[in-house]
N, C-alpha and C. Protein backbone atom coordinates (compact mmCIF):
# COMPACT_ATOMS: atom_id res chain seq x y z
N UNK A 1 20.38 -39.20 -5.29
CA UNK A 1 19.69 -38.46 -3.81
C UNK A 1 19.83 -36.78 -4.04
N UNK A 2 19.05 -35.58 -3.88
CA UNK A 2 19.05 -34.67 -4.36
C UNK A 2 18.75 -33.92 -3.23
N UNK A 3 19.53 -32.73 -2.98
CA UNK A 3 19.25 -31.46 -1.94
C UNK A 3 18.06 -30.68 -1.74
N UNK A 4 17.05 -30.43 -0.72
CA UNK A 4 15.69 -29.89 -1.17
C UNK A 4 15.96 -28.89 -0.13
N UNK A 5 15.64 -27.10 -0.55
CA UNK A 5 15.67 -26.85 0.29
C UNK A 5 14.46 -26.38 0.53
N UNK A 6 14.54 -25.27 1.84
CA UNK A 6 12.70 -24.88 2.50
C UNK A 6 11.87 -24.07 1.81
N UNK A 7 12.56 -23.29 0.45
CA UNK A 7 11.82 -22.28 -0.21
C UNK A 7 11.52 -23.78 -1.18
N UNK A 8 11.77 -24.96 -1.32
CA UNK A 8 10.93 -25.88 -2.68
C UNK A 8 11.99 -25.99 -3.62
N UNK A 9 11.59 -27.20 -4.56
CA UNK A 9 13.21 -26.79 -5.58
C UNK A 9 12.49 -25.95 -7.07
N UNK A 10 11.36 -25.55 -7.24
CA UNK A 10 10.72 -25.32 -8.22
C UNK A 10 11.66 -24.06 -8.27
N UNK A 11 11.61 -23.14 -6.72
CA UNK A 11 12.12 -21.68 -6.99
C UNK A 11 13.13 -21.66 -7.81
N UNK A 12 14.10 -21.84 -7.79
CA UNK A 12 15.39 -21.55 -8.86
C UNK A 12 15.82 -21.80 -10.13
N UNK A 13 16.20 -21.58 -10.89
CA UNK A 13 16.26 -22.47 -12.58
C UNK A 13 17.21 -21.94 -12.43
N UNK A 14 18.00 -23.22 -13.32
CA UNK A 14 19.48 -22.87 -13.98
C UNK A 14 19.09 -22.50 -15.48
N UNK A 15 19.46 -20.58 -16.13
CA UNK A 15 19.40 -20.53 -17.61
C UNK A 15 20.44 -20.28 -18.01
N UNK A 16 20.68 -20.37 -19.67
CA UNK A 16 22.23 -19.97 -20.27
C UNK A 16 22.61 -18.72 -20.03
N UNK A 17 21.20 -17.97 -19.40
CA UNK A 17 21.66 -16.51 -18.89
C UNK A 17 22.30 -16.48 -17.70
N UNK A 18 21.83 -17.43 -16.75
CA UNK A 18 22.17 -17.28 -15.42
C UNK A 18 21.31 -17.67 -14.36
N UNK A 19 20.75 -17.49 -13.62
CA UNK A 19 19.82 -18.35 -11.96
C UNK A 19 19.02 -17.16 -12.47
N UNK A 20 17.65 -17.93 -12.63
CA UNK A 20 16.34 -17.32 -12.75
C UNK A 20 15.25 -17.30 -11.70
N UNK A 21 15.60 -16.53 -10.85
CA UNK A 21 14.85 -16.57 -9.22
C UNK A 21 13.43 -16.48 -9.50
N UNK A 22 12.57 -17.19 -8.86
CA UNK A 22 10.84 -16.80 -8.60
C UNK A 22 10.60 -16.59 -7.93
N UNK A 23 10.28 -15.57 -7.26
CA UNK A 23 9.51 -15.23 -6.10
C UNK A 23 7.74 -16.20 -5.52
N UNK A 24 7.81 -16.53 -4.55
CA UNK A 24 6.38 -16.81 -4.13
C UNK A 24 5.43 -15.40 -4.34
N UNK A 25 4.30 -15.71 -4.59
CA UNK A 25 2.91 -14.36 -4.76
C UNK A 25 3.08 -13.19 -3.42
N UNK A 26 3.13 -13.98 -2.59
CA UNK A 26 2.85 -13.66 -0.95
C UNK A 26 4.37 -12.95 -0.84
N UNK A 27 5.37 -12.77 -1.52
CA UNK A 27 6.84 -12.49 -1.49
C UNK A 27 7.10 -10.86 -2.06
N UNK A 28 6.00 -10.77 -2.62
CA UNK A 28 5.42 -9.15 -3.18
C UNK A 28 4.77 -8.48 -2.27
N UNK A 29 2.98 -9.46 -2.22
CA UNK A 29 2.00 -8.77 -1.46
C UNK A 29 2.04 -8.91 -0.34
N UNK A 30 2.60 -8.69 0.57
CA UNK A 30 2.86 -8.61 1.82
C UNK A 30 3.40 -7.48 2.50
N UNK A 31 4.62 -7.17 1.53
CA UNK A 31 5.37 -5.86 1.34
C UNK A 31 4.20 -4.91 1.03
N UNK A 32 4.03 -4.88 -0.01
CA UNK A 32 2.78 -3.85 -0.29
C UNK A 32 1.87 -3.50 0.70
N UNK A 33 1.03 -4.95 1.03
CA UNK A 33 -0.02 -4.73 2.04
C UNK A 33 0.72 -3.64 3.11
N UNK A 34 1.71 -3.89 3.55
CA UNK A 34 1.80 -3.68 4.99
C UNK A 34 2.41 -1.70 4.51
N UNK A 35 3.09 -1.80 3.72
CA UNK A 35 3.41 -0.56 2.88
C UNK A 35 1.87 0.54 2.84
N UNK A 36 1.26 -0.56 2.64
CA UNK A 36 -0.16 0.73 2.12
C UNK A 36 -0.89 0.85 3.51
N UNK A 37 -0.91 -0.20 4.38
CA UNK A 37 -1.33 -0.26 5.55
C UNK A 37 -0.18 1.27 6.08
N UNK A 38 -0.01 1.30 6.29
CA UNK A 38 1.13 1.78 7.03
C UNK A 38 0.91 3.23 6.60
N UNK A 39 1.54 3.57 5.20
CA UNK A 39 0.97 4.74 4.99
C UNK A 39 -0.82 5.30 5.04
N UNK A 40 -1.78 4.56 5.03
CA UNK A 40 -3.00 5.01 4.98
C UNK A 40 -3.02 5.27 6.20
N UNK A 41 -2.33 4.76 7.27
CA UNK A 41 -2.52 5.39 9.11
C UNK A 41 -1.45 6.62 9.26
N UNK A 42 -0.82 6.59 8.53
CA UNK A 42 -0.06 8.48 8.49
C UNK A 42 -0.69 8.95 7.47
N UNK A 43 -1.17 8.73 7.02
CA UNK A 43 -2.15 9.93 6.12
C UNK A 43 -3.14 10.31 6.44
N UNK A 44 -4.39 9.55 6.73
CA UNK A 44 -5.75 9.41 7.36
C UNK A 44 -5.38 10.00 8.44
N UNK A 45 -7.22 11.10 8.38
CA UNK A 45 -6.87 11.50 9.71
C UNK A 45 -7.91 10.86 10.82
N UNK A 46 -8.42 9.97 10.12
CA UNK A 46 -9.03 8.81 11.51
C UNK A 46 -9.78 10.22 12.31
N UNK A 47 -10.59 9.28 13.39
CA UNK A 47 -11.50 9.87 13.63
C UNK A 47 -11.27 10.38 15.09
N UNK A 48 -10.22 9.88 15.80
CA UNK A 48 -9.50 10.60 16.85
C UNK A 48 -9.12 11.84 16.62
N UNK A 49 -9.68 13.35 17.38
CA UNK A 49 -9.41 14.50 17.83
C UNK A 49 -8.82 14.97 18.77
N UNK A 50 -7.41 15.41 18.88
CA UNK A 50 -6.99 15.95 20.04
C UNK A 50 -7.75 16.83 20.92
N UNK A 51 -7.78 16.85 22.19
CA UNK A 51 -8.57 17.42 23.08
C UNK A 51 -7.46 18.66 23.00
N UNK A 52 -8.08 20.02 23.27
CA UNK A 52 -7.53 21.15 23.64
C UNK A 52 -7.11 21.82 22.21
N UNK A 53 -7.56 21.09 21.20
CA UNK A 53 -7.01 22.02 19.87
C UNK A 53 -5.53 22.27 19.52
N UNK A 54 -4.93 20.75 19.37
CA UNK A 54 -3.88 20.99 18.87
C UNK A 54 -3.81 20.89 18.01
N UNK A 55 -2.85 21.56 17.32
CA UNK A 55 -3.00 21.88 15.16
C UNK A 55 -2.05 20.60 14.94
N UNK A 56 -2.10 19.29 15.72
CA UNK A 56 -1.45 18.62 15.05
C UNK A 56 0.17 18.31 14.69
N UNK A 57 0.06 17.60 13.21
CA UNK A 57 1.92 17.96 12.98
C UNK A 57 2.25 19.13 12.12
N UNK A 58 1.10 19.95 12.03
CA UNK A 58 1.50 21.40 11.96
C UNK A 58 2.06 22.31 13.14
N UNK A 59 2.12 21.93 14.11
CA UNK A 59 2.26 22.57 15.54
C UNK A 59 3.62 21.86 15.85
N UNK A 60 4.29 21.11 15.08
CA UNK A 60 5.15 19.91 15.54
C UNK A 60 6.52 20.64 14.41
N UNK A 61 6.04 20.87 13.15
CA UNK A 61 6.71 21.41 11.95
C UNK A 61 7.32 22.55 12.88
N UNK A 62 6.02 24.04 12.92
CA UNK A 62 6.22 24.32 13.41
C UNK A 62 7.65 24.97 14.76
N UNK A 63 7.42 24.27 15.71
CA UNK A 63 8.27 23.91 16.65
C UNK A 63 9.38 23.75 16.06
N UNK A 64 9.72 22.89 15.15
CA UNK A 64 10.70 22.46 14.85
C UNK A 64 11.60 23.55 13.93
N UNK A 65 11.04 24.44 13.38
CA UNK A 65 11.29 25.08 12.56
C UNK A 65 11.61 26.37 13.18
N UNK A 66 10.52 26.85 14.25
CA UNK A 66 11.62 27.90 15.36
C UNK A 66 13.11 27.64 16.19
N UNK A 67 13.02 26.10 15.94
CA UNK A 67 14.63 25.61 17.24
C UNK A 67 15.85 25.74 16.22
N UNK A 68 15.28 25.46 14.67
CA UNK A 68 16.16 25.41 13.76
C UNK A 68 16.84 26.72 13.59
N UNK A 69 18.19 26.90 13.63
CA UNK A 69 19.30 28.54 13.17
C UNK A 69 18.68 28.55 11.54
N UNK A 70 17.95 29.13 11.16
CA UNK A 70 17.62 29.93 9.49
C UNK A 70 18.18 30.75 9.34
């Protein structure tokens, strides 16, 4: 009787140099997709503009610079 894990019996192979671990395609694709989606949300200006002429990230950085003792 052999023990099987939830990842499947083919995911780990023993070689003479050690253990060769193979990841499924989605184990790399999902983190990359999430990173790209978040990066696009952060960098893209989008269609929403603040009412009242708020300068956005520039105003936040300026206020941080004013509060730091330099």
